[in-house]
Amino acid sequence: MKKALFKSLAILNRALLPSLTKRGVDLSKASKWQLLLFGYRLWVTKNALD
C-alpha cells in the first residue's frame, strides 16, 4: 500500500513539478524553495524504490 502510494506520487511529480537538473540549477546556489522541492522529490523517490 505504502509503496504504491509513493510510486503514484513519483509519477505525478515527474508530470507536474519542474526538473531542476534539466534547468541546470546548481544546488549550492539554489533558493530555499528549490532546495525544498529537490528534497521532496528525493524523499518520494527514495520511498518509491524501497
N, C-alpha and C. Protein backbone atom coordinates (compact mmCIF):
# COMPACT_ATOMS: atom_id res chain seq x y z
N MET A 1 0.83 -1.19 0.00
CA MET A 1 0.00 0.00 0.00
C MET A 1 0.87 1.25 0.00
N LYS A 2 1.83 1.32 0.93
CA LYS A 2 2.69 2.49 1.04
C LYS A 2 3.54 2.67 -0.22
N LYS A 3 4.06 1.56 -0.74
CA LYS A 3 4.91 1.63 -1.92
C LYS A 3 4.10 2.08 -3.13
N ALA A 4 2.88 1.62 -3.26
CA ALA A 4 2.02 2.02 -4.39
C ALA A 4 1.70 3.51 -4.31
N LEU A 5 1.49 4.01 -3.10
CA LEU A 5 1.22 5.44 -2.92
C LEU A 5 2.41 6.28 -3.37
N PHE A 6 3.61 5.89 -2.97
CA PHE A 6 4.79 6.65 -3.34
C PHE A 6 5.12 6.51 -4.82
N LYS A 7 4.81 5.38 -5.42
CA LYS A 7 5.01 5.22 -6.87
C LYS A 7 4.09 6.16 -7.64
N SER A 8 2.85 6.27 -7.20
CA SER A 8 1.92 7.19 -7.88
C SER A 8 2.33 8.63 -7.65
N LEU A 9 2.83 8.96 -6.45
CA LEU A 9 3.35 10.31 -6.20
C LEU A 9 4.55 10.62 -7.08
N ALA A 10 5.41 9.64 -7.30
CA ALA A 10 6.57 9.84 -8.16
C ALA A 10 6.15 10.12 -9.60
N ILE A 11 5.13 9.44 -10.06
CA ILE A 11 4.62 9.67 -11.41
C ILE A 11 4.03 11.08 -11.52
N LEU A 12 3.28 11.49 -10.51
CA LEU A 12 2.72 12.85 -10.51
C LEU A 12 3.82 13.90 -10.44
N ASN A 13 4.85 13.65 -9.64
CA ASN A 13 5.96 14.60 -9.55
C ASN A 13 6.64 14.78 -10.90
N ARG A 14 6.86 13.68 -11.60
CA ARG A 14 7.51 13.73 -12.89
C ARG A 14 6.68 14.53 -13.89
N ALA A 15 5.36 14.41 -13.80
CA ALA A 15 4.48 15.08 -14.75
C ALA A 15 4.23 16.55 -14.41
N LEU A 16 4.15 16.88 -13.12
CA LEU A 16 3.71 18.21 -12.73
C LEU A 16 4.81 19.17 -12.27
N LEU A 17 5.81 18.65 -11.58
CA LEU A 17 6.82 19.52 -10.99
C LEU A 17 7.99 19.72 -11.94
N PRO A 18 8.63 20.89 -11.87
CA PRO A 18 9.76 21.14 -12.76
C PRO A 18 10.99 20.32 -12.38
N SER A 19 11.76 19.95 -13.39
CA SER A 19 13.00 19.22 -13.16
C SER A 19 14.13 20.22 -12.97
N LEU A 20 14.76 20.17 -11.82
CA LEU A 20 15.83 21.13 -11.53
C LEU A 20 17.11 20.78 -12.26
N THR A 21 17.34 19.51 -12.52
CA THR A 21 18.57 19.12 -13.21
C THR A 21 18.51 19.49 -14.69
N LYS A 22 17.34 19.41 -15.29
CA LYS A 22 17.21 19.81 -16.69
C LYS A 22 17.37 21.31 -16.85
N ARG A 23 17.02 22.06 -15.83
CA ARG A 23 17.20 23.51 -15.86
C ARG A 23 18.63 23.93 -15.55
N GLY A 24 19.43 22.99 -15.07
CA GLY A 24 20.82 23.29 -14.76
C GLY A 24 21.01 24.06 -13.47
N VAL A 25 20.13 23.84 -12.50
CA VAL A 25 20.22 24.54 -11.21
C VAL A 25 21.37 23.96 -10.40
N ASP A 26 22.27 24.82 -9.95
CA ASP A 26 23.36 24.42 -9.08
C ASP A 26 22.83 24.39 -7.64
N LEU A 27 22.93 23.24 -6.98
CA LEU A 27 22.35 23.12 -5.64
C LEU A 27 23.02 24.01 -4.60
N SER A 28 24.27 24.38 -4.84
CA SER A 28 24.93 25.26 -3.88
C SER A 28 24.42 26.70 -4.01
N LYS A 29 23.78 27.02 -5.14
CA LYS A 29 23.26 28.37 -5.36
C LYS A 29 21.74 28.39 -5.46
N ALA A 30 21.10 27.30 -5.13
CA ALA A 30 19.65 27.19 -5.26
C ALA A 30 18.96 27.98 -4.15
N SER A 31 17.76 28.45 -4.47
CA SER A 31 16.96 29.16 -3.47
C SER A 31 16.33 28.16 -2.50
N LYS A 32 15.70 28.67 -1.47
CA LYS A 32 15.10 27.81 -0.44
C LYS A 32 13.99 26.93 -1.02
N TRP A 33 13.14 27.50 -1.89
CA TRP A 33 12.05 26.69 -2.44
C TRP A 33 12.59 25.63 -3.39
N GLN A 34 13.68 25.90 -4.09
CA GLN A 34 14.28 24.90 -4.97
C GLN A 34 14.87 23.76 -4.15
N LEU A 35 15.50 24.08 -3.03
CA LEU A 35 16.03 23.04 -2.15
C LEU A 35 14.91 22.21 -1.53
N LEU A 36 13.82 22.87 -1.18
CA LEU A 36 12.66 22.17 -0.64
C LEU A 36 12.07 21.23 -1.69
N LEU A 37 11.94 21.70 -2.91
CA LEU A 37 11.42 20.88 -3.99
C LEU A 37 12.34 19.69 -4.27
N PHE A 38 13.63 19.92 -4.29
CA PHE A 38 14.61 18.85 -4.50
C PHE A 38 14.51 17.81 -3.40
N GLY A 39 14.44 18.26 -2.15
CA GLY A 39 14.33 17.34 -1.02
C GLY A 39 13.05 16.52 -1.05
N TYR A 40 11.95 17.15 -1.42
CA TYR A 40 10.67 16.45 -1.51
C TYR A 40 10.71 15.38 -2.59
N ARG A 41 11.24 15.73 -3.76
CA ARG A 41 11.32 14.75 -4.85
C ARG A 41 12.25 13.60 -4.49
N LEU A 42 13.34 13.91 -3.80
CA LEU A 42 14.26 12.87 -3.36
C LEU A 42 13.60 11.94 -2.35
N TRP A 43 12.85 12.49 -1.41
CA TRP A 43 12.16 11.71 -0.39
C TRP A 43 11.13 10.77 -1.03
N VAL A 44 10.36 11.29 -1.99
CA VAL A 44 9.36 10.46 -2.66
C VAL A 44 10.02 9.36 -3.46
N THR A 45 11.10 9.68 -4.18
CA THR A 45 11.80 8.68 -4.97
C THR A 45 12.39 7.59 -4.10
N LYS A 46 13.00 7.99 -2.97
CA LYS A 46 13.59 7.01 -2.04
C LYS A 46 12.52 6.06 -1.51
N ASN A 47 11.38 6.57 -1.15
CA ASN A 47 10.32 5.71 -0.62
C ASN A 47 9.65 4.87 -1.70
N ALA A 48 9.65 5.34 -2.92
CA ALA A 48 9.06 4.57 -4.02
C ALA A 48 9.95 3.38 -4.39
N LEU A 49 11.25 3.51 -4.17
CA LEU A 49 12.19 2.44 -4.54
C LEU A 49 12.36 1.40 -3.45
N ASP A 50 12.02 1.71 -2.22
CA ASP A 50 12.20 0.74 -1.13
C ASP A 50 11.32 -0.47 -1.24
